[in-house]
């Protein structure tokens, strides 16, 4: 029974083509944010900039992005690239 449930969920939910598309779009959006913050650390909020001075910029950027809610990430992505470029991922 557990094996059947697992196969069903993998095929119909976890690996559904629409889920895979959203995962790809979200990955691109987060990748864009990561590189935007690395290239322009002044875009980071003051707390993240302070953490960058102690633990390094890449770690501070990762930590900042990891703490984002979907809504916050969408807002920052729109600010970085513009709302017309926002993928349908969130």
PDB file of N, CA and C in Angstrom:
ATOM      1  N   UNK A   1       0.817  -1.199   0.000  1.00  0.00           N
ATOM      2  CA  UNK A   1       0.000   0.000   0.000  1.00  0.00           C
ATOM      3  C   UNK A   1       0.859   1.260   0.000  1.00  0.00           C
ATOM      4  N   UNK A   2       1.893   1.291   0.834  1.00  0.00           N
ATOM      5  CA  UNK A   2       2.759   2.460   0.901  1.00  0.00           C
ATOM      6  C   UNK A   2       3.474   2.687  -0.434  1.00  0.00           C
ATOM      7  N   UNK A   3       3.918   1.616  -1.063  1.00  0.00           N
ATOM      8  CA  UNK A   3       4.569   1.721  -2.364  1.00  0.00           C
ATOM      9  C   UNK A   3       3.648   2.290  -3.425  1.00  0.00           C
ATOM     10  N   UNK A   4       2.405   1.880  -3.416  1.00  0.00           N
ATOM     11  CA  UNK A   4       1.430   2.399  -4.375  1.00  0.00           C
ATOM     12  C   UNK A   4       1.201   3.889  -4.155  1.00  0.00           C
ATOM     13  N   UNK A   5       1.068   4.271  -2.907  1.00  0.00           N
ATOM     14  CA  UNK A   5       0.856   5.676  -2.574  1.00  0.00           C
ATOM     15  C   UNK A   5       2.058   6.507  -3.019  1.00  0.00           C
ATOM     16  N   UNK A   6       3.243   6.021  -2.754  1.00  0.00           N
ATOM     17  CA  UNK A   6       4.462   6.726  -3.135  1.00  0.00           C
ATOM     18  C   UNK A   6       4.533   6.906  -4.657  1.00  0.00           C
ATOM     19  N   UNK A   7       4.267   5.863  -5.402  1.00  0.00           N
ATOM     20  CA  UNK A   7       4.297   5.947  -6.867  1.00  0.00           C
ATOM     21  C   UNK A   7       3.242   6.935  -7.377  1.00  0.00           C
ATOM     22  N   UNK A   8       2.059   6.876  -6.790  1.00  0.00           N
ATOM     23  CA  UNK A   8       0.994   7.787  -7.190  1.00  0.00           C
ATOM     24  C   UNK A   8       1.408   9.241  -6.945  1.00  0.00           C
ATOM     25  N   UNK A   9       1.928   9.519  -5.763  1.00  0.00           N
ATOM     26  CA  UNK A   9       2.324  10.889  -5.434  1.00  0.00           C
ATOM     27  C   UNK A   9       3.468  11.383  -6.311  1.00  0.00           C
ATOM     28  N   UNK A  10       4.422  10.516  -6.578  1.00  0.00           N
ATOM     29  CA  UNK A  10       5.530  10.916  -7.451  1.00  0.00           C
ATOM     30  C   UNK A  10       5.028  11.270  -8.844  1.00  0.00           C
ATOM     31  N   UNK A  11       4.192  10.435  -9.404  1.00  0.00           N
ATOM     32  CA  UNK A  11       3.717  10.634 -10.773  1.00  0.00           C
ATOM     33  C   UNK A  11       2.711  11.770 -10.890  1.00  0.00           C
ATOM     34  N   UNK A  12       1.833  11.889  -9.926  1.00  0.00           N
ATOM     35  CA  UNK A  12       0.719  12.827 -10.060  1.00  0.00           C
ATOM     36  C   UNK A  12       0.895  14.143  -9.326  1.00  0.00           C
ATOM     37  N   UNK A  13       1.844  14.204  -8.400  1.00  0.00           N
ATOM     38  CA  UNK A  13       1.987  15.432  -7.618  1.00  0.00           C
ATOM     39  C   UNK A  13       3.411  15.960  -7.681  1.00  0.00           C
ATOM     40  N   UNK A  14       4.362  15.225  -7.149  1.00  0.00           N
ATOM     41  CA  UNK A  14       5.728  15.723  -7.010  1.00  0.00           C
ATOM     42  C   UNK A  14       6.411  15.944  -8.349  1.00  0.00           C
ATOM     43  N   UNK A  15       6.127  15.117  -9.323  1.00  0.00           N
ATOM     44  CA  UNK A  15       6.770  15.244 -10.632  1.00  0.00           C
ATOM     45  C   UNK A  15       5.781  15.614 -11.735  1.00  0.00           C
ATOM     46  N   UNK A  16       4.690  16.186 -11.351  1.00  0.00           N
ATOM     47  CA  UNK A  16       3.717  16.661 -12.331  1.00  0.00           C
ATOM     48  C   UNK A  16       4.378  17.758 -13.162  1.00  0.00           C
ATOM     49  N   UNK A  17       4.062  17.834 -14.429  1.00  0.00           N
ATOM     50  CA  UNK A  17       4.733  18.782 -15.317  1.00  0.00           C
ATOM     51  C   UNK A  17       4.542  20.228 -14.881  1.00  0.00           C
ATOM     52  N   UNK A  18       3.404  20.557 -14.305  1.00  0.00           N
ATOM     53  CA  UNK A  18       3.189  21.931 -13.849  1.00  0.00           C
ATOM     54  C   UNK A  18       4.052  22.248 -12.625  1.00  0.00           C
ATOM     55  N   UNK A  19       4.213  21.288 -11.753  1.00  0.00           N
ATOM     56  CA  UNK A  19       5.088  21.471 -10.587  1.00  0.00           C
ATOM     57  C   UNK A  19       6.528  21.639 -11.057  1.00  0.00           C
ATOM     58  N   UNK A  20       6.949  20.799 -11.994  1.00  0.00           N
ATOM     59  CA  UNK A  20       8.308  20.899 -12.530  1.00  0.00           C
ATOM     60  C   UNK A  20       8.543  22.272 -13.170  1.00  0.00           C
ATOM     61  N   UNK A  21       7.550  22.790 -13.874  1.00  0.00           N
ATOM     62  CA  UNK A  21       7.675  24.110 -14.492  1.00  0.00           C
ATOM     63  C   UNK A  21       7.822  25.200 -13.428  1.00  0.00           C
ATOM     64  N   UNK A  22       7.031  25.111 -12.371  1.00  0.00           N
ATOM     65  CA  UNK A  22       7.115  26.106 -11.305  1.00  0.00           C
ATOM     66  C   UNK A  22       8.451  26.028 -10.576  1.00  0.00           C
ATOM     67  N   UNK A  23       8.950  24.830 -10.384  1.00  0.00           N
ATOM     68  CA  UNK A  23      10.260  24.666  -9.751  1.00  0.00           C
ATOM     69  C   UNK A  23      11.334  25.331 -10.605  1.00  0.00           C
ATOM     70  N   UNK A  24      11.274  25.134 -11.902  1.00  0.00           N
ATOM     71  CA  UNK A  24      12.246  25.755 -12.811  1.00  0.00           C
ATOM     72  C   UNK A  24      12.158  27.271 -12.754  1.00  0.00           C
ATOM     73  N   UNK A  25      10.949  27.811 -12.764  1.00  0.00           N
ATOM     74  CA  UNK A  25      10.767  29.260 -12.723  1.00  0.00           C
ATOM     75  C   UNK A  25      11.245  29.840 -11.393  1.00  0.00           C
ATOM     76  N   UNK A  26      10.946  29.182 -10.300  1.00  0.00           N
ATOM     77  CA  UNK A  26      11.392  29.654  -8.990  1.00  0.00           C
ATOM     78  C   UNK A  26      12.911  29.596  -8.892  1.00  0.00           C
ATOM     79  N   UNK A  27      13.506  28.554  -9.430  1.00  0.00           N
ATOM     80  CA  UNK A  27      14.961  28.428  -9.426  1.00  0.00           C
ATOM     81  C   UNK A  27      15.597  29.591 -10.171  1.00  0.00           C
ATOM     82  N   UNK A  28      15.047  29.928 -11.320  1.00  0.00           N
ATOM     83  CA  UNK A  28      15.583  31.056 -12.093  1.00  0.00           C
ATOM     84  C   UNK A  28      15.441  32.372 -11.332  1.00  0.00           C
ATOM     85  N   UNK A  29      14.299  32.574 -10.691  1.00  0.00           N
ATOM     86  CA  UNK A  29      14.083  33.810  -9.942  1.00  0.00           C
ATOM     87  C   UNK A  29      15.067  33.918  -8.780  1.00  0.00           C
ATOM     88  N   UNK A  30      15.264  32.837  -8.038  1.00  0.00           N
ATOM     89  CA  UNK A  30      16.187  32.871  -6.905  1.00  0.00           C
ATOM     90  C   UNK A  30      17.632  33.015  -7.374  1.00  0.00           C
ATOM     91  N   UNK A  31      17.957  32.385  -8.472  1.00  0.00           N
ATOM     92  CA  UNK A  31      19.288  32.522  -9.064  1.00  0.00           C
ATOM     93  C   UNK A  31      19.550  33.976  -9.445  1.00  0.00           C
ATOM     94  N   UNK A  32      18.556  34.611 -10.043  1.00  0.00           N
ATOM     95  CA  UNK A  32      18.672  36.016 -10.425  1.00  0.00           C
ATOM     96  C   UNK A  32      18.879  36.897  -9.205  1.00  0.00           C
ATOM     97  N   UNK A  33      18.098  36.670  -8.157  1.00  0.00           N
ATOM     98  CA  UNK A  33      18.255  37.446  -6.926  1.00  0.00           C
ATOM     99  C   UNK A  33      19.640  37.247  -6.320  1.00  0.00           C
ATOM    100  N   UNK A  34      20.094  36.008  -6.260  1.00  0.00           N
ATOM    101  CA  UNK A  34      21.403  35.713  -5.683  1.00  0.00           C
ATOM    102  C   UNK A  34      22.499  36.511  -6.394  1.00  0.00           C
ATOM    103  N   UNK A  35      22.500  36.460  -7.705  1.00  0.00           N
ATOM    104  CA  UNK A  35      23.548  37.156  -8.456  1.00  0.00           C
ATOM    105  C   UNK A  35      23.384  38.678  -8.404  1.00  0.00           C
ATOM    106  N   UNK A  36      22.155  39.144  -8.333  1.00  0.00           N
ATOM    107  CA  UNK A  36      21.939  40.585  -8.192  1.00  0.00           C
ATOM    108  C   UNK A  36      22.528  41.080  -6.877  1.00  0.00           C
ATOM    109  N   UNK A  37      22.290  40.349  -5.792  1.00  0.00           N
ATOM    110  CA  UNK A  37      22.839  40.743  -4.493  1.00  0.00           C
ATOM    111  C   UNK A  37      24.361  40.619  -4.459  1.00  0.00           C
ATOM    112  N   UNK A  38      24.912  39.603  -5.103  1.00  0.00           N
ATOM    113  CA  UNK A  38      26.375  39.469  -5.146  1.00  0.00           C
ATOM    114  C   UNK A  38      27.000  40.612  -5.923  1.00  0.00           C
ATOM    115  N   UNK A  39      26.382  40.983  -7.029  1.00  0.00           N
ATOM    116  CA  UNK A  39      26.933  42.044  -7.871  1.00  0.00           C
ATOM    117  C   UNK A  39      26.697  43.437  -7.313  1.00  0.00           C
ATOM    118  N   UNK A  40      25.640  43.586  -6.529  1.00  0.00           N
ATOM    119  CA  UNK A  40      25.305  44.894  -5.948  1.00  0.00           C
ATOM    120  C   UNK A  40      24.909  44.712  -4.488  1.00  0.00           C
ATOM    121  N   UNK A  41      25.892  44.497  -3.609  1.00  0.00           N
ATOM    122  CA  UNK A  41      25.581  44.241  -2.203  1.00  0.00           C
ATOM    123  C   UNK A  41      24.845  45.383  -1.519  1.00  0.00           C
ATOM    124  N   UNK A  42      24.890  46.557  -2.093  1.00  0.00           N
ATOM    125  CA  UNK A  42      24.146  47.678  -1.526  1.00  0.00           C
ATOM    126  C   UNK A  42      22.641  47.484  -1.596  1.00  0.00           C
ATOM    127  N   UNK A  43      22.185  46.522  -2.384  1.00  0.00           N
ATOM    128  CA  UNK A  43      20.749  46.204  -2.458  1.00  0.00           C
ATOM    129  C   UNK A  43      20.285  45.428  -1.226  1.00  0.00           C
ATOM    130  N   UNK A  44      21.234  44.859  -0.491  1.00  0.00           N
ATOM    131  CA  UNK A  44      20.878  44.093   0.711  1.00  0.00           C
ATOM    132  C   UNK A  44      20.462  45.027   1.835  1.00  0.00           C
ATOM    133  N   UNK A  45      19.547  44.598   2.689  1.00  0.00           N
ATOM    134  CA  UNK A  45      19.199  45.402   3.859  1.00  0.00           C
ATOM    135  C   UNK A  45      20.405  45.506   4.806  1.00  0.00           C
ATOM    136  N   UNK A  46      20.415  46.508   5.667  1.00  0.00           N
ATOM    137  CA  UNK A  46      21.567  46.738   6.546  1.00  0.00           C
ATOM    138  C   UNK A  46      22.005  45.519   7.369  1.00  0.00           C
ATOM    139  N   UNK A  47      21.034  44.734   7.885  1.00  0.00           N
ATOM    140  CA  UNK A  47      21.420  43.567   8.692  1.00  0.00           C
ATOM    141  C   UNK A  47      22.194  42.558   7.857  1.00  0.00           C
ATOM    142  N   UNK A  48      21.779  42.340   6.633  1.00  0.00           N
ATOM    143  CA  UNK A  48      22.466  41.396   5.757  1.00  0.00           C
ATOM    144  C   UNK A  48      23.839  41.930   5.370  1.00  0.00           C
ATOM    145  N   UNK A  49      23.949  43.227   5.173  1.00  0.00           N
ATOM    146  CA  UNK A  49      25.254  43.817   4.871  1.00  0.00           C
ATOM    147  C   UNK A  49      26.207  43.650   6.053  1.00  0.00           C
ATOM    148  N   UNK A  50      25.683  43.801   7.264  1.00  0.00           N
ATOM    149  CA  UNK A  50      26.514  43.607   8.455  1.00  0.00           C
ATOM    150  C   UNK A  50      26.976  42.150   8.563  1.00  0.00           C
ATOM    151  N   UNK A  51      26.077  41.205   8.255  1.00  0.00           N
ATOM    152  CA  UNK A  51      26.467  39.792   8.284  1.00  0.00           C
ATOM    153  C   UNK A  51      27.515  39.500   7.219  1.00  0.00           C
ATOM    154  N   UNK A  52      27.427  40.183   6.076  1.00  0.00           N
ATOM    155  CA  UNK A  52      28.405  39.981   4.999  1.00  0.00           C
ATOM    156  C   UNK A  52      29.797  40.398   5.451  1.00  0.00           C
ATOM    157  N   UNK A  53      29.870  41.440   6.262  1.00  0.00           N
ATOM    158  CA  UNK A  53      31.173  41.907   6.748  1.00  0.00           C
ATOM    159  C   UNK A  53      31.822  40.877   7.673  1.00  0.00           C
ATOM    160  N   UNK A  54      31.012  40.082   8.336  1.00  0.00           N
ATOM    161  CA  UNK A  54      31.525  39.087   9.274  1.00  0.00           C
ATOM    162  C   UNK A  54      31.721  37.719   8.618  1.00  0.00           C
ATOM    163  N   UNK A  55      30.706  37.233   7.923  1.00  0.00           N
ATOM    164  CA  UNK A  55      30.744  35.873   7.388  1.00  0.00           C
ATOM    165  C   UNK A  55      30.958  35.765   5.892  1.00  0.00           C
ATOM    166  N   UNK A  56      31.129  36.886   5.219  1.00  0.00           N
ATOM    167  CA  UNK A  56      31.325  36.869   3.777  1.00  0.00           C
ATOM    168  C   UNK A  56      30.027  37.123   3.038  1.00  0.00           C
ATOM    169  N   UNK A  57      30.156  37.740   1.883  1.00  0.00           N
ATOM    170  CA  UNK A  57      28.987  38.116   1.097  1.00  0.00           C
ATOM    171  C   UNK A  57      28.174  36.921   0.604  1.00  0.00           C
ATOM    172  N   UNK A  58      28.787  35.893   0.014  1.00  0.00           N
ATOM    173  CA  UNK A  58      27.962  34.770  -0.472  1.00  0.00           C
ATOM    174  C   UNK A  58      27.101  34.134   0.627  1.00  0.00           C
ATOM    175  N   UNK A  59      27.665  33.956   1.815  1.00  0.00           N
ATOM    176  CA  UNK A  59      26.908  33.362   2.921  1.00  0.00           C
ATOM    177  C   UNK A  59      25.774  34.285   3.346  1.00  0.00           C
ATOM    178  N   UNK A  60      26.048  35.582   3.433  1.00  0.00           N
ATOM    179  CA  UNK A  60      25.019  36.543   3.841  1.00  0.00           C
ATOM    180  C   UNK A  60      23.885  36.585   2.823  1.00  0.00           C
ATOM    181  N   UNK A  61      24.226  36.527   1.540  1.00  0.00           N
ATOM    182  CA  UNK A  61      23.196  36.528   0.496  1.00  0.00           C
ATOM    183  C   UNK A  61      22.344  35.273   0.589  1.00  0.00           C
ATOM    184  N   UNK A  62      22.988  34.125   0.743  1.00  0.00           N
ATOM    185  CA  UNK A  62      22.237  32.869   0.881  1.00  0.00           C
ATOM    186  C   UNK A  62      21.312  32.903   2.089  1.00  0.00           C
ATOM    187  N   UNK A  63      21.825  33.382   3.207  1.00  0.00           N
ATOM    188  CA  UNK A  63      21.006  33.454   4.420  1.00  0.00           C
ATOM    189  C   UNK A  63      19.833  34.401   4.240  1.00  0.00           C
ATOM    190  N   UNK A  64      20.084  35.528   3.593  1.00  0.00           N
ATOM    191  CA  UNK A  64      19.009  36.497   3.374  1.00  0.00           C
ATOM    192  C   UNK A  64      17.918  35.896   2.480  1.00  0.00           C
ATOM    193  N   UNK A  65      18.315  35.267   1.396  1.00  0.00           N
ATOM    194  CA  UNK A  65      17.340  34.661   0.481  1.00  0.00           C
ATOM    195  C   UNK A  65      16.601  33.518   1.173  1.00  0.00           C
ATOM    196  N   UNK A  66      17.307  32.730   1.958  1.00  0.00           N
ATOM    197  CA  UNK A  66      16.675  31.600   2.655  1.00  0.00           C
ATOM    198  C   UNK A  66      15.601  32.070   3.630  1.00  0.00           C
ATOM    199  N   UNK A  67      15.749  33.272   4.160  1.00  0.00           N
ATOM    200  CA  UNK A  67      14.779  33.797   5.114  1.00  0.00           C
ATOM    201  C   UNK A  67      13.603  34.513   4.474  1.00  0.00           C
ATOM    202  N   UNK A  68      13.594  34.596   3.155  1.00  0.00           N
ATOM    203  CA  UNK A  68      12.521  35.312   2.464  1.00  0.00           C
ATOM    204  C   UNK A  68      11.225  34.504   2.429  1.00  0.00           C
ATOM    205  N   UNK A  69      10.121  35.196   2.573  1.00  0.00           N
ATOM    206  CA  UNK A  69       8.829  34.591   2.264  1.00  0.00           C
ATOM    207  C   UNK A  69       8.638  34.678   0.751  1.00  0.00           C
ATOM    208  N   UNK A  70       7.680  33.942   0.230  1.00  0.00           N
ATOM    209  CA  UNK A  70       7.395  34.015  -1.202  1.00  0.00           C
ATOM    210  C   UNK A  70       7.064  35.445  -1.615  1.00  0.00           C
ATOM    211  N   UNK A  71       6.219  36.086  -0.858  1.00  0.00           N
ATOM    212  CA  UNK A  71       5.782  37.446  -1.192  1.00  0.00           C
ATOM    213  C   UNK A  71       6.951  38.430  -1.195  1.00  0.00           C
ATOM    214  N   UNK A  72       7.822  38.307  -0.205  1.00  0.00           N
ATOM    215  CA  UNK A  72       8.994  39.183  -0.126  1.00  0.00           C
ATOM    216  C   UNK A  72       9.925  38.921  -1.309  1.00  0.00           C
ATOM    217  N   UNK A  73      10.153  37.650  -1.639  1.00  0.00           N
ATOM    218  CA  UNK A  73      11.024  37.296  -2.759  1.00  0.00           C
ATOM    219  C   UNK A  73      10.457  37.841  -4.072  1.00  0.00           C
ATOM    220  N   UNK A  74       9.159  37.751  -4.265  1.00  0.00           N
ATOM    221  CA  UNK A  74       8.533  38.297  -5.469  1.00  0.00           C
ATOM    222  C   UNK A  74       8.772  39.793  -5.549  1.00  0.00           C
ATOM    223  N   UNK A  75       8.579  40.476  -4.442  1.00  0.00           N
ATOM    224  CA  UNK A  75       8.792  41.927  -4.421  1.00  0.00           C
ATOM    225  C   UNK A  75      10.217  42.305  -4.762  1.00  0.00           C
ATOM    226  N   UNK A  76      11.179  41.597  -4.177  1.00  0.00           N
ATOM    227  CA  UNK A  76      12.589  41.904  -4.469  1.00  0.00           C
ATOM    228  C   UNK A  76      12.933  41.555  -5.908  1.00  0.00           C
ATOM    229  N   UNK A  77      12.379  40.472  -6.422  1.00  0.00           N
ATOM    230  CA  UNK A  77      12.633  40.081  -7.807  1.00  0.00           C
ATOM    231  C   UNK A  77      12.068  41.139  -8.752  1.00  0.00           C
ATOM    232  N   UNK A  78      10.858  41.595  -8.478  1.00  0.00           N
ATOM    233  CA  UNK A  78      10.251  42.637  -9.318  1.00  0.00           C
ATOM    234  C   UNK A  78      11.082  43.908  -9.293  1.00  0.00           C
ATOM    235  N   UNK A  79      11.621  44.250  -8.126  1.00  0.00           N
ATOM    236  CA  UNK A  79      12.470  45.442  -8.029  1.00  0.00           C
ATOM    237  C   UNK A  79      13.758  45.265  -8.824  1.00  0.00           C
ATOM    238  N   UNK A  80      14.285  44.053  -8.862  1.00  0.00           N
ATOM    239  CA  UNK A  80      15.554  43.799  -9.536  1.00  0.00           C
ATOM    240  C   UNK A  80      15.409  43.755 -11.046  1.00  0.00           C
ATOM    241  N   UNK A  81      14.350  43.139 -11.554  1.00  0.00           N
ATOM    242  CA  UNK A  81      14.228  42.947 -13.005  1.00  0.00           C
ATOM    243  C   UNK A  81      12.977  43.569 -13.605  1.00  0.00           C
ATOM    244  N   UNK A  82      12.060  43.999 -12.798  1.00  0.00           N
ATOM    245  CA  UNK A  82      10.832  44.586 -13.320  1.00  0.00           C
ATOM    246  C   UNK A  82       9.688  43.591 -13.308  1.00  0.00           C
ATOM    247  N   UNK A  83       8.456  44.052 -13.106  1.00  0.00           N
ATOM    248  CA  UNK A  83       7.310  43.143 -12.995  1.00  0.00           C
ATOM    249  C   UNK A  83       6.998  42.384 -14.270  1.00  0.00           C
ATOM    250  N   UNK A  84       7.374  42.909 -15.424  1.00  0.00           N
ATOM    251  CA  UNK A  84       7.071  42.212 -16.676  1.00  0.00           C
ATOM    252  C   UNK A  84       7.858  40.900 -16.790  1.00  0.00           C
ATOM    253  N   UNK A  85       8.957  40.799 -16.058  1.00  0.00           N
ATOM    254  CA  UNK A  85       9.809  39.622 -16.153  1.00  0.00           C
ATOM    255  C   UNK A  85       9.473  38.559 -15.103  1.00  0.00           C
ATOM    256  N   UNK A  86       8.528  38.840 -14.225  1.00  0.00           N
ATOM    257  CA  UNK A  86       8.236  37.915 -13.134  1.00  0.00           C
ATOM    258  C   UNK A  86       7.689  36.595 -13.650  1.00  0.00           C
ATOM    259  N   UNK A  87       8.363  35.479 -13.329  1.00  0.00           N
ATOM    260  CA  UNK A  87       7.828  34.196 -13.743  1.00  0.00           C
ATOM    261  C   UNK A  87       6.611  33.823 -12.907  1.00  0.00           C
ATOM    262  N   UNK A  88       5.818  32.918 -13.402  1.00  0.00           N
ATOM    263  CA  UNK A  88       4.607  32.468 -12.731  1.00  0.00           C
ATOM    264  C   UNK A  88       4.941  31.361 -11.741  1.00  0.00           C
ATOM    265  N   UNK A  89       5.810  31.628 -10.788  1.00  0.00           N
ATOM    266  CA  UNK A  89       6.326  30.533  -9.960  1.00  0.00           C
ATOM    267  C   UNK A  89       5.814  30.565  -8.532  1.00  0.00           C
ATOM    268  N   UNK A  90       5.282  31.667  -8.077  1.00  0.00           N
ATOM    269  CA  UNK A  90       4.946  31.746  -6.659  1.00  0.00           C
ATOM    270  C   UNK A  90       3.464  31.731  -6.440  1.00  0.00           C
TER     271      UNK A  90
END
